[in-house]
C-alpha atoms as a PDB file:
ATOM      1  CA  MET A   1     117.346 131.459 119.055  1.00  0.00           C
ATOM      2  CA  THR A   2     118.261 127.974 117.912  1.00  0.00           C
ATOM      3  CA  THR A   3     115.981 126.027 115.634  1.00  0.00           C
ATOM      4  CA  PRO A   4     115.054 122.365 116.107  1.00  0.00           C
ATOM      5  CA  TYR A   5     115.396 121.823 112.347  1.00  0.00           C
ATOM      6  CA  VAL A   6     118.283 120.838 110.133  1.00  0.00           C
ATOM      7  CA  GLU A   7     118.401 123.075 107.049  1.00  0.00           C
ATOM      8  CA  LEU A   8     120.025 121.674 103.912  1.00  0.00           C
ATOM      9  CA  LYS A   9     120.090 122.543 100.215  1.00  0.00           C
ATOM     10  CA  ASP A  10     119.794 120.129  97.315  1.00  0.00           C
ATOM     11  CA  LYS A  11     122.166 120.463  94.365  1.00  0.00           C
ATOM     12  CA  HIS A  12     119.708 122.833  92.685  1.00  0.00           C
ATOM     13  CA  GLY A  13     119.745 125.225  95.647  1.00  0.00           C
ATOM     14  CA  ASN A  14     116.322 124.359  97.078  1.00  0.00           C
ATOM     15  CA  ASN A  15     116.058 124.628 100.862  1.00  0.00           C
ATOM     16  CA  ILE A  16     115.007 121.447 102.660  1.00  0.00           C
ATOM     17  CA  TYR A  17     114.180 121.262 106.364  1.00  0.00           C
ATOM     18  CA  PHE A  18     114.410 118.102 108.437  1.00  0.00           C
ATOM     19  CA  GLY A  19     113.893 117.002 111.992  1.00  0.00           C
ATOM     20  CA  HIS A  20     117.001 115.145 113.161  1.00  0.00           C
ATOM     21  CA  PHE A  21     115.992 111.778 114.576  1.00  0.00           C
ATOM     22  CA  GLY A  22     119.558 110.679 115.208  1.00  0.00           C
ATOM     23  CA  ASP A  23     120.022 108.107 112.445  1.00  0.00           C
ATOM     24  CA  LEU A  24     117.121 109.371 110.334  1.00  0.00           C
ATOM     25  CA  LEU A  25     115.947 112.704 108.927  1.00  0.00           C
ATOM     26  CA  ILE A  26     112.177 113.152 109.138  1.00  0.00           C
ATOM     27  CA  PRO A  27     109.848 116.023 108.161  1.00  0.00           C
ATOM     28  CA  ALA A  28     110.356 119.200 110.182  1.00  0.00           C
ATOM     29  CA  PHE A  29     106.944 119.092 111.804  1.00  0.00           C
ATOM     30  CA  PRO A  30     106.324 122.503 113.433  1.00  0.00           C
ATOM     31  CA  ALA A  31     104.872 121.082 116.662  1.00  0.00           C
ATOM     32  CA  ILE A  32     108.058 119.191 117.555  1.00  0.00           C
ATOM     33  CA  GLN A  33     110.715 121.216 119.360  1.00  0.00           C
ATOM     34  CA  ASP A  34     113.123 118.391 120.249  1.00  0.00           C
ATOM     35  CA  PHE A  35     113.185 115.617 117.656  1.00  0.00           C
ATOM     36  CA  ARG A  36     115.616 113.367 119.509  1.00  0.00           C
ATOM     37  CA  GLN A  37     113.461 113.529 122.631  1.00  0.00           C
ATOM     38  CA  HIS A  38     110.427 112.808 120.492  1.00  0.00           C
ATOM     39  CA  LYS A  39     112.207 109.759 119.102  1.00  0.00           C
ATOM     40  CA  GLN A  40     112.696 108.508 122.663  1.00  0.00           C
ATOM     41  CA  ASP A  41     109.087 109.292 123.588  1.00  0.00           C
ATOM     42  CA  ILE A  42     107.876 107.151 120.682  1.00  0.00           C
ATOM     43  CA  ARG A  43     110.141 104.294 121.718  1.00  0.00           C
ATOM     44  CA  GLU A  44     108.814 104.475 125.289  1.00  0.00           C
ATOM     45  CA  MET A  45     105.132 105.088 124.551  1.00  0.00           C
ATOM     46  CA  ASP A  46     102.495 102.947 126.226  1.00  0.00           C
ATOM     47  CA  LEU A  47     100.575 100.562 124.013  1.00  0.00           C
ATOM     48  CA  LYS A  48      97.510  98.449 124.663  1.00  0.00           C
ATOM     49  CA  PRO A  49      97.330  94.856 123.399  1.00  0.00           C
ATOM     50  CA  GLU A  50      94.489  95.877 121.058  1.00  0.00           C
ATOM     51  CA  ASP A  51      96.426  98.732 119.435  1.00  0.00           C
ATOM     52  CA  ILE A  52      97.433  98.483 115.778  1.00  0.00           C
ATOM     53  CA  LEU A  53     100.263 100.173 113.876  1.00  0.00           C
ATOM     54  CA  ILE A  54     100.213 101.133 110.189  1.00  0.00           C
ATOM     55  CA  ALA A  55     103.712 101.688 108.797  1.00  0.00           C
ATOM     56  CA  GLY A  56     105.238 102.374 105.409  1.00  0.00           C
ATOM     57  CA  PHE A  57     107.131 104.910 103.326  1.00  0.00           C
ATOM     58  CA  PRO A  58     105.270 108.220 102.792  1.00  0.00           C
ATOM     59  CA  LYS A  59     102.487 108.119 100.155  1.00  0.00           C
ATOM     60  CA  THR A  60     102.003 104.352 100.225  1.00  0.00           C
ATOM     61  CA  GLY A  61      98.394 104.547 101.461  1.00  0.00           C
ATOM     62  CA  ASN A  62      98.463 105.741 105.055  1.00  0.00           C
ATOM     63  CA  ASN A  63      95.111 107.571 105.182  1.00  0.00           C
ATOM     64  CA  TRP A  64      93.427 104.897 103.054  1.00  0.00           C
ATOM     65  CA  HIS A  65      94.456 102.009 105.286  1.00  0.00           C
ATOM     66  CA  HIS A  66      93.685 103.948 108.456  1.00  0.00           C
ATOM     67  CA  GLU A  67      90.100 104.551 107.377  1.00  0.00           C
ATOM     68  CA  ILE A  68      89.594 100.929 106.314  1.00  0.00           C
ATOM     69  CA  LEU A  69      90.898  99.625 109.639  1.00  0.00           C
ATOM     70  CA  LEU A  70      88.698 101.994 111.643  1.00  0.00           C
ATOM     71  CA  MET A  71      85.657 100.700 109.762  1.00  0.00           C
ATOM     72  CA  LEU A  72      86.611  97.060 110.295  1.00  0.00           C
ATOM     73  CA  LEU A  73      87.109  97.668 114.003  1.00  0.00           C
ATOM     74  CA  ALA A  74      83.833  99.578 114.305  1.00  0.00           C
ATOM     75  CA  GLY A  75      81.884  97.077 112.204  1.00  0.00           C
ATOM     76  CA  SER A  76      80.512  99.939 110.123  1.00  0.00           C
ATOM     77  CA  ALA A  77      81.192 101.488 106.712  1.00  0.00           C
ATOM     78  CA  ASP A  78      80.376 104.995 107.993  1.00  0.00           C
ATOM     79  CA  HIS A  79      83.170 107.564 107.909  1.00  0.00           C
ATOM     80  CA  ASN A  80      84.069 108.983 111.302  1.00  0.00           C
ATOM     81  CA  LYS A  81      84.356 112.716 110.640  1.00  0.00           C
ATOM     82  CA  ASN A  82      85.974 113.293 114.050  1.00  0.00           C
ATOM     83  CA  ILE A  83      88.961 110.999 113.529  1.00  0.00           C
ATOM     84  CA  SER A  84      91.798 111.550 111.075  1.00  0.00           C
ATOM     85  CA  ALA A  85      94.931 109.518 110.442  1.00  0.00           C
ATOM     86  CA  ARG A  86      96.865 112.714 111.203  1.00  0.00           C
ATOM     87  CA  ASP A  87      95.542 112.616 114.781  1.00  0.00           C
ATOM     88  CA  PHE A  88      97.225 109.227 115.278  1.00  0.00           C
ATOM     89  CA  PHE A  89     100.438 109.926 113.361  1.00  0.00           C
ATOM     90  CA  LEU A  90     103.311 109.278 115.781  1.00  0.00           C
ATOM     91  CA  GLU A  91     105.835 111.747 114.371  1.00  0.00           C
ATOM     92  CA  PHE A  92     103.433 114.653 113.876  1.00  0.00           C
ATOM     93  CA  SER A  93     103.035 116.051 117.400  1.00  0.00           C
ATOM     94  CA  PRO A  94     104.375 115.557 120.950  1.00  0.00           C
ATOM     95  CA  LEU A  95     103.149 112.488 122.803  1.00  0.00           C
ATOM     96  CA  GLN A  96     101.441 112.955 126.140  1.00  0.00           C
ATOM     97  CA  LYS A  97     102.302 110.650 128.991  1.00  0.00           C
ATOM     98  CA  GLY A  98      99.757 108.025 129.910  1.00  0.00           C
ATOM     99  CA  ASP A  99      97.829 105.300 128.154  1.00  0.00           C
ATOM    100  CA  ASP A 100      94.689 107.050 127.059  1.00  0.00           C
ATOM    101  CA  HIS A 101      95.709 110.350 125.463  1.00  0.00           C
ATOM    102  CA  HIS A 102      94.596 109.046 122.066  1.00  0.00           C
ATOM    103  CA  GLY A 103      91.333 107.643 123.400  1.00  0.00           C
ATOM    104  CA  PRO A 104      90.248 104.107 124.291  1.00  0.00           C
ATOM    105  CA  PRO A 105      91.574 101.056 122.449  1.00  0.00           C
ATOM    106  CA  PRO A 106      91.686  99.718 119.888  1.00  0.00           C
ATOM    107  CA  ARG A 107      93.688 102.631 118.522  1.00  0.00           C
ATOM    108  CA  VAL A 108      95.168 102.663 115.022  1.00  0.00           C
ATOM    109  CA  PHE A 109      98.484 104.519 114.985  1.00  0.00           C
ATOM    110  CA  CYS A 110     100.263 105.588 111.801  1.00  0.00           C
ATOM    111  CA  THR A 111     103.959 106.072 111.169  1.00  0.00           C
ATOM    112  CA  HIS A 112     106.537 106.281 108.399  1.00  0.00           C
ATOM    113  CA  LEU A 113     109.370 105.243 110.686  1.00  0.00           C
ATOM    114  CA  LYS A 114     111.624 102.267 110.206  1.00  0.00           C
ATOM    115  CA  PHE A 115     110.981  99.186 112.309  1.00  0.00           C
ATOM    116  CA  HIS A 116     113.739  99.832 114.846  1.00  0.00           C
ATOM    117  CA  HIS A 117     112.187 103.209 115.709  1.00  0.00           C
ATOM    118  CA  LEU A 118     108.770 101.772 116.627  1.00  0.00           C
ATOM    119  CA  PRO A 119     107.596 101.615 120.262  1.00  0.00           C
ATOM    120  CA  GLU A 120     109.484  98.969 122.242  1.00  0.00           C
ATOM    121  CA  GLN A 121     106.223  97.614 123.620  1.00  0.00           C
ATOM    122  CA  ILE A 122     105.255  96.114 120.259  1.00  0.00           C
ATOM    123  CA  PHE A 123     107.309  93.074 121.270  1.00  0.00           C
ATOM    124  CA  VAL A 124     105.631  92.712 124.663  1.00  0.00           C
ATOM    125  CA  LYS A 125     102.104  93.482 123.480  1.00  0.00           C
ATOM    126  CA  LYS A 126     102.515  91.566 120.184  1.00  0.00           C
ATOM    127  CA  THR A 127     101.142  94.630 118.418  1.00  0.00           C
ATOM    128  CA  LYS A 128      99.763  93.933 114.969  1.00  0.00           C
ATOM    129  CA  VAL A 129     101.527  95.911 112.235  1.00  0.00           C
ATOM    130  CA  ILE A 130     100.225  96.582 108.736  1.00  0.00           C
ATOM    131  CA  TYR A 131     103.161  97.392 106.474  1.00  0.00           C
ATOM    132  CA  MET A 132     102.221  99.258 103.287  1.00  0.00           C
ATOM    133  CA  GLU A 133     103.946  98.858  99.933  1.00  0.00           C
ATOM    134  CA  ARG A 134     103.590 100.839  96.711  1.00  0.00           C
ATOM    135  CA  ASN A 135     105.642 100.894  93.533  1.00  0.00           C
ATOM    136  CA  PRO A 136     108.404 103.487  93.949  1.00  0.00           C
ATOM    137  CA  LYS A 137     107.736 105.431  90.762  1.00  0.00           C
ATOM    138  CA  ASP A 138     104.183 106.336  91.806  1.00  0.00           C
ATOM    139  CA  THR A 139     105.384 106.807  95.395  1.00  0.00           C
ATOM    140  CA  TRP A 140     107.985 109.366  94.354  1.00  0.00           C
ATOM    141  CA  VAL A 141     105.587 111.299  92.123  1.00  0.00           C
ATOM    142  CA  SER A 142     102.941 111.362  94.854  1.00  0.00           C
ATOM    143  CA  LEU A 143     105.468 112.476  97.465  1.00  0.00           C
ATOM    144  CA  TYR A 144     106.692 115.264  95.183  1.00  0.00           C
ATOM    145  CA  HIS A 145     103.179 116.671  94.774  1.00  0.00           C
ATOM    146  CA  HIS A 146     102.509 116.286  98.489  1.00  0.00           C
ATOM    147  CA  THR A 147     105.606 118.245  99.502  1.00  0.00           C
ATOM    148  CA  ASN A 148     105.530 120.754  96.657  1.00  0.00           C
ATOM    149  CA  GLY A 149     102.023 121.728  97.691  1.00  0.00           C
ATOM    150  CA  ARG A 150     102.890 122.336 101.336  1.00  0.00           C
ATOM    151  CA  LYS A 151     103.722 125.579 103.083  1.00  0.00           C
ATOM    152  CA  GLY A 152     106.466 126.169 105.636  1.00  0.00           C
ATOM    153  CA  THR A 153     109.186 123.803 106.796  1.00  0.00           C
ATOM    154  CA  VAL A 154     107.490 120.714 105.336  1.00  0.00           C
ATOM    155  CA  GLY A 155     107.320 122.163 101.837  1.00  0.00           C
ATOM    156  CA  TYR A 156     109.626 121.696  98.842  1.00  0.00           C
ATOM    157  CA  GLU A 157     110.020 124.475  96.280  1.00  0.00           C
ATOM    158  CA  GLY A 158     111.913 122.603  93.575  1.00  0.00           C
ATOM    159  CA  THR A 159     110.593 121.152  90.321  1.00  0.00           C
ATOM    160  CA  TRP A 160     109.815 117.496  89.681  1.00  0.00           C
ATOM    161  CA  ASN A 161     113.206 117.165  87.935  1.00  0.00           C
ATOM    162  CA  HIS A 162     114.928 118.540  91.035  1.00  0.00           C
ATOM    163  CA  PHE A 163     113.010 116.154  93.265  1.00  0.00           C
ATOM    164  CA  PHE A 164     113.833 113.152  91.096  1.00  0.00           C
ATOM    165  CA  ASP A 165     117.536 113.998  91.309  1.00  0.00           C
ATOM    166  CA  LEU A 166     117.235 114.120  95.090  1.00  0.00           C
ATOM    167  CA  MET A 167     115.453 110.773  95.332  1.00  0.00           C
ATOM    168  CA  ILE A 168     117.708 108.903  92.900  1.00  0.00           C
ATOM    169  CA  SER A 169     120.901 110.300  94.445  1.00  0.00           C
ATOM    170  CA  GLY A 170     120.953 107.899  97.395  1.00  0.00           C
ATOM    171  CA  PHE A 171     120.241 110.694  99.881  1.00  0.00           C
ATOM    172  CA  GLY A 172     116.491 110.602  99.414  1.00  0.00           C
ATOM    173  CA  TYR A 173     114.061 113.002 101.011  1.00  0.00           C
ATOM    174  CA  TRP A 174     111.793 112.416 103.994  1.00  0.00           C
ATOM    175  CA  TYR A 175     112.812 109.256 105.895  1.00  0.00           C
ATOM    176  CA  GLY A 176     115.950 108.876 103.849  1.00  0.00           C
ATOM    177  CA  ASP A 177     116.816 106.764 100.855  1.00  0.00           C
ATOM    178  CA  TRP A 178     113.803 104.810  99.548  1.00  0.00           C
ATOM    179  CA  PHE A 179     115.909 101.753  98.695  1.00  0.00           C
ATOM    180  CA  ASP A 180     117.430 101.535 102.177  1.00  0.00           C
ATOM    181  CA  TYR A 181     113.987 101.960 103.705  1.00  0.00           C
ATOM    182  CA  VAL A 182     112.215  99.125 101.870  1.00  0.00           C
ATOM    183  CA  LEU A 183     115.176  96.757 102.079  1.00  0.00           C
ATOM    184  CA  GLU A 184     115.361  97.191 105.838  1.00  0.00           C
ATOM    185  CA  TRP A 185     111.643  96.466 106.181  1.00  0.00           C
ATOM    186  CA  GLU A 186     111.981  93.460 103.877  1.00  0.00           C
ATOM    187  CA  ASP A 187     114.709  92.037 106.101  1.00  0.00           C
ATOM    188  CA  VAL A 188     112.626  92.626 109.241  1.00  0.00           C
ATOM    189  CA  ILE A 189     109.569  90.910 107.767  1.00  0.00           C
ATOM    190  CA  LYS A 190     111.665  87.924 106.712  1.00  0.00           C
ATOM    191  CA  THR A 191     113.652  87.473 109.908  1.00  0.00           C
ATOM    192  CA  GLN A 192     111.758  88.677 112.999  1.00  0.00           C
ATOM    193  CA  THR A 193     109.065  86.391 114.410  1.00  0.00           C
ATOM    194  CA  GLN A 194     107.830  88.217 117.513  1.00  0.00           C
ATOM    195  CA  VAL A 195     105.622  90.880 115.947  1.00  0.00           C
ATOM    196  CA  PRO A 196     102.793  89.925 113.558  1.00  0.00           C
ATOM    197  CA  ILE A 197     103.151  91.912 110.315  1.00  0.00           C
ATOM    198  CA  PHE A 198     100.740  91.940 107.384  1.00  0.00           C
ATOM    199  CA  THR A 199     101.994  93.410 104.097  1.00  0.00           C
ATOM    200  CA  SER A 200      99.383  95.330 102.114  1.00  0.00           C
ATOM    201  CA  ALA A 201     100.245  96.569  98.629  1.00  0.00           C
ATOM    202  CA  PHE A 202      98.637  99.756  97.306  1.00  0.00           C
ATOM    203  CA  GLU A 203      98.176  98.169  93.886  1.00  0.00           C
ATOM    204  CA  ASP A 204      96.452  95.071  95.322  1.00  0.00           C
ATOM    205  CA  LEU A 205      94.060  97.259  97.284  1.00  0.00           C
ATOM    206  CA  LYS A 206      93.380  99.274  94.141  1.00  0.00           C
ATOM    207  CA  GLN A 207      92.795  96.283  91.845  1.00  0.00           C
ATOM    208  CA  ASP A 208      90.839  94.082  94.271  1.00  0.00           C
ATOM    209  CA  PRO A 209      89.680  96.256  97.183  1.00  0.00           C
ATOM    210  CA  VAL A 210      87.145  93.778  98.547  1.00  0.00           C
ATOM    211  CA  GLY A 211      89.596  90.872  98.490  1.00  0.00           C
ATOM    212  CA  GLN A 212      92.349  92.912 100.142  1.00  0.00           C
ATOM    213  CA  ILE A 213      89.992  94.250 102.814  1.00  0.00           C
ATOM    214  CA  GLU A 214      88.906  90.660 103.517  1.00  0.00           C
ATOM    215  CA  LYS A 215      92.564  89.761 104.101  1.00  0.00           C
ATOM    216  CA  LEU A 216      92.928  92.702 106.488  1.00  0.00           C
ATOM    217  CA  ASP A 217      89.747  91.563 108.224  1.00  0.00           C
ATOM    218  CA  GLN A 218      91.227  88.105 108.734  1.00  0.00           C
ATOM    219  CA  PHE A 219      94.559  89.486 109.970  1.00  0.00           C
ATOM    220  CA  LEU A 220      92.845  91.708 112.530  1.00  0.00           C
ATOM    221  CA  GLY A 221      90.523  88.893 113.602  1.00  0.00           C
ATOM    222  CA  THR A 222      87.500  91.171 113.252  1.00  0.00           C
ATOM    223  CA  ASN A 223      85.638  88.612 111.100  1.00  0.00           C
ATOM    224  CA  ARG A 224      83.204  91.117 109.575  1.00  0.00           C
ATOM    225  CA  GLY A 225      82.356  89.057 106.500  1.00  0.00           C
ATOM    226  CA  ARG A 226      82.237  89.852 102.797  1.00  0.00           C
ATOM    227  CA  GLN A 227      79.151  92.072 102.803  1.00  0.00           C
ATOM    228  CA  LEU A 228      80.696  94.641 105.138  1.00  0.00           C
ATOM    229  CA  CYS A 229      84.016  94.397 103.287  1.00  0.00           C
ATOM    230  CA  GLU A 230      82.169  95.289 100.073  1.00  0.00           C
ATOM    231  CA  GLN A 231      80.541  98.279 101.791  1.00  0.00           C
ATOM    232  CA  ILE A 232      83.899  99.437 103.164  1.00  0.00           C
ATOM    233  CA  ALA A 233      85.497  99.096  99.729  1.00  0.00           C
ATOM    234  CA  ASP A 234      82.840 101.389  98.291  1.00  0.00           C
ATOM    235  CA  ALA A 235      83.050 103.897 101.149  1.00  0.00           C
ATOM    236  CA  CYS A 236      86.854 103.958 100.828  1.00  0.00           C
ATOM    237  CA  SER A 237      87.022 104.375  97.069  1.00  0.00           C
ATOM    238  CA  PHE A 238      89.185 107.353  96.121  1.00  0.00           C
ATOM    239  CA  THR A 239      86.196 109.559  95.240  1.00  0.00           C
ATOM    240  CA  ASN A 240      84.322 108.811  98.456  1.00  0.00           C
ATOM    241  CA  MET A 241      87.424 109.119 100.631  1.00  0.00           C
ATOM    242  CA  LYS A 242      88.284 112.509  99.155  1.00  0.00           C
ATOM    243  CA  LYS A 243      84.725 113.684  99.689  1.00  0.00           C
ATOM    244  CA  ALA A 244      84.506 112.449 103.278  1.00  0.00           C
ATOM    245  CA  LYS A 245      88.015 112.916 104.659  1.00  0.00           C
ATOM    246  CA  GLU A 246      89.686 115.856 102.913  1.00  0.00           C
ATOM    247  CA  MET A 247      90.799 118.430 105.457  1.00  0.00           C
ATOM    248  CA  PRO A 248      88.548 121.447 106.156  1.00  0.00           C
ATOM    249  CA  SER A 249      89.169 124.507 103.990  1.00  0.00           C
ATOM    250  CA  GLU A 250      90.510 126.518 106.946  1.00  0.00           C
ATOM    251  CA  SER A 251      93.171 123.900 107.718  1.00  0.00           C
ATOM    252  CA  LYS A 252      93.892 123.497 104.020  1.00  0.00           C
ATOM    253  CA  HIS A 253      94.559 127.234 103.717  1.00  0.00           C
ATOM    254  CA  LYS A 254      97.029 127.127 106.622  1.00  0.00           C
ATOM    255  CA  MET A 255      98.953 124.074 105.453  1.00  0.00           C
ATOM    256  CA  LEU A 256      98.717 124.055 101.654  1.00  0.00           C
ATOM    257  CA  LYS A 257      99.521 126.411  98.824  1.00  0.00           C
ATOM    258  CA  GLU A 258      96.708 127.738  96.687  1.00  0.00           C
ATOM    259  CA  ASN A 259      95.436 125.100  94.212  1.00  0.00           C
ATOM    260  CA  ALA A 260      97.389 122.310  95.933  1.00  0.00           C
ATOM    261  CA  ALA A 261      95.716 118.920  95.629  1.00  0.00           C
ATOM    262  CA  GLY A 262      95.686 118.129  99.350  1.00  0.00           C
ATOM    263  CA  PHE A 263      96.060 114.650 100.780  1.00  0.00           C
ATOM    264  CA  TYR A 264      93.975 113.081  98.002  1.00  0.00           C
ATOM    265  CA  ARG A 265      95.353 113.905  94.545  1.00  0.00           C
ATOM    266  CA  LYS A 266      94.755 110.976  92.130  1.00  0.00           C
ATOM    267  CA  GLY A 267      95.243 107.658  93.882  1.00  0.00           C
ATOM    268  CA  GLU A 268      96.126 105.957  90.600  1.00  0.00           C
ATOM    269  CA  VAL A 269      98.523 103.220  89.549  1.00  0.00           C
ATOM    270  CA  GLY A 270     100.782 104.325  86.694  1.00  0.00           C
ATOM    271  CA  ASP A 271     100.564 108.125  87.061  1.00  0.00           C
ATOM    272  CA  TRP A 272     104.384 108.125  87.098  1.00  0.00           C
ATOM    273  CA  LYS A 273     104.282 107.814  83.300  1.00  0.00           C
ATOM    274  CA  ASN A 274     102.998 111.394  83.171  1.00  0.00           C
ATOM    275  CA  TRP A 275     106.051 112.662  85.063  1.00  0.00           C
ATOM    276  CA  PHE A 276     109.112 110.479  84.454  1.00  0.00           C
ATOM    277  CA  THR A 277     111.046 111.498  81.357  1.00  0.00           C
ATOM    278  CA  LEU A 278     112.485 108.725  79.204  1.00  0.00           C
ATOM    279  CA  ALA A 279     115.954 109.469  80.577  1.00  0.00           C
ATOM    280  CA  GLN A 280     114.689 109.437  84.176  1.00  0.00           C
ATOM    281  CA  ASN A 281     112.901 106.148  83.651  1.00  0.00           C
ATOM    282  CA  GLU A 282     115.999 104.529  82.155  1.00  0.00           C
ATOM    283  CA  LEU A 283     118.166 105.815  85.001  1.00  0.00           C
ATOM    284  CA  PHE A 284     115.650 104.659  87.615  1.00  0.00           C
ATOM    285  CA  ASP A 285     115.445 101.166  86.107  1.00  0.00           C
ATOM    286  CA  GLU A 286     119.233 100.924  86.058  1.00  0.00           C
ATOM    287  CA  VAL A 287     119.576 101.999  89.701  1.00  0.00           C
ATOM    288  CA  PHE A 288     116.626  99.834  90.755  1.00  0.00           C
ATOM    289  CA  LYS A 289     118.161  96.742  89.174  1.00  0.00           C
ATOM    290  CA  LYS A 290     121.448  97.358  90.966  1.00  0.00           C
ATOM    291  CA  ARG A 291     120.107  98.332  94.389  1.00  0.00           C
ATOM    292  CA  MET A 292     117.398  95.641  94.507  1.00  0.00           C
ATOM    293  CA  ALA A 293     119.535  92.815  93.128  1.00  0.00           C
ATOM    294  CA  GLY A 294     119.292  90.711  96.289  1.00  0.00           C
ATOM    295  CA  SER A 295     115.657  91.522  97.034  1.00  0.00           C
ATOM    296  CA  SER A 296     112.592  89.393  96.450  1.00  0.00           C
ATOM    297  CA  LEU A 297     110.299  92.446  96.410  1.00  0.00           C
ATOM    298  CA  ARG A 298     108.186  92.804  93.281  1.00  0.00           C
ATOM    299  CA  TYR A 299     106.153  95.875  92.322  1.00  0.00           C
ATOM    300  CA  THR A 300     103.261  96.546  89.969  1.00  0.00           C
ATOM    301  CA  PHE A 301     104.077  99.688  87.965  1.00  0.00           C
ATOM    302  CA  VAL A 302     100.989  99.750  85.708  1.00  0.00           C
ATOM    303  CA  GLN A 303      97.537  98.164  85.781  1.00  0.00           C
END
């Protein structure tokens, strides 16, 4: 029996499983049996004018932004226990045909895909896109813990040192090389004018949550006002999010290893300093300077 996954090994001998998306390797999600067909299904999916897309490299704030947007759209700072960002994650499970399989609009979809993989209808429907940014050092550390804590084909058994070697090598891990990913999105944001895109940085949301939520409010046109934005900021603090939205213990047992942190580990800016060795940090800075030489992107590495 053939498998829908691509199985590779890193230079340390750790098995890595991917779903082959044609020009991109994505996580080997168990529910997907034909990744190239799924790629086409995403491109052809039906969107409503009110739908919203959240996009960004893994571990840049997907669940956080999804919850904030749901609250802005609902006009309430109450957590909806029946809705998870995973339920609206485009790559995670097969898409059903028809407009309403994810419920009535406005729907907030999540993805880690590059811009050219997004549904074609974003151009026709002028779909609003929130693009998430986070400094790469924290992103890599968070992604390591996320994958190292997972079971099955979406797990990674190597050490942090192994994972760093993989990420810095130019091959990358899920969704490919981090540098290629952010540079492609930077070019899209600078050059395309058809799709409205708002860039939201993890560090800005962490340092000034109310101010950043107000900006999201203005971009969406929900006009909820400062008082509700303050309530949403409190409800979506790391502690309250973890309490309200962490997956049930039964699901956690199926998906995660024992003692794994789950989807909410620390949510800090600067945790990379606890993981990067001096040599790794020097190598990263050298590669970053070279690869990002023509970029105007700036990141906050500590606060």
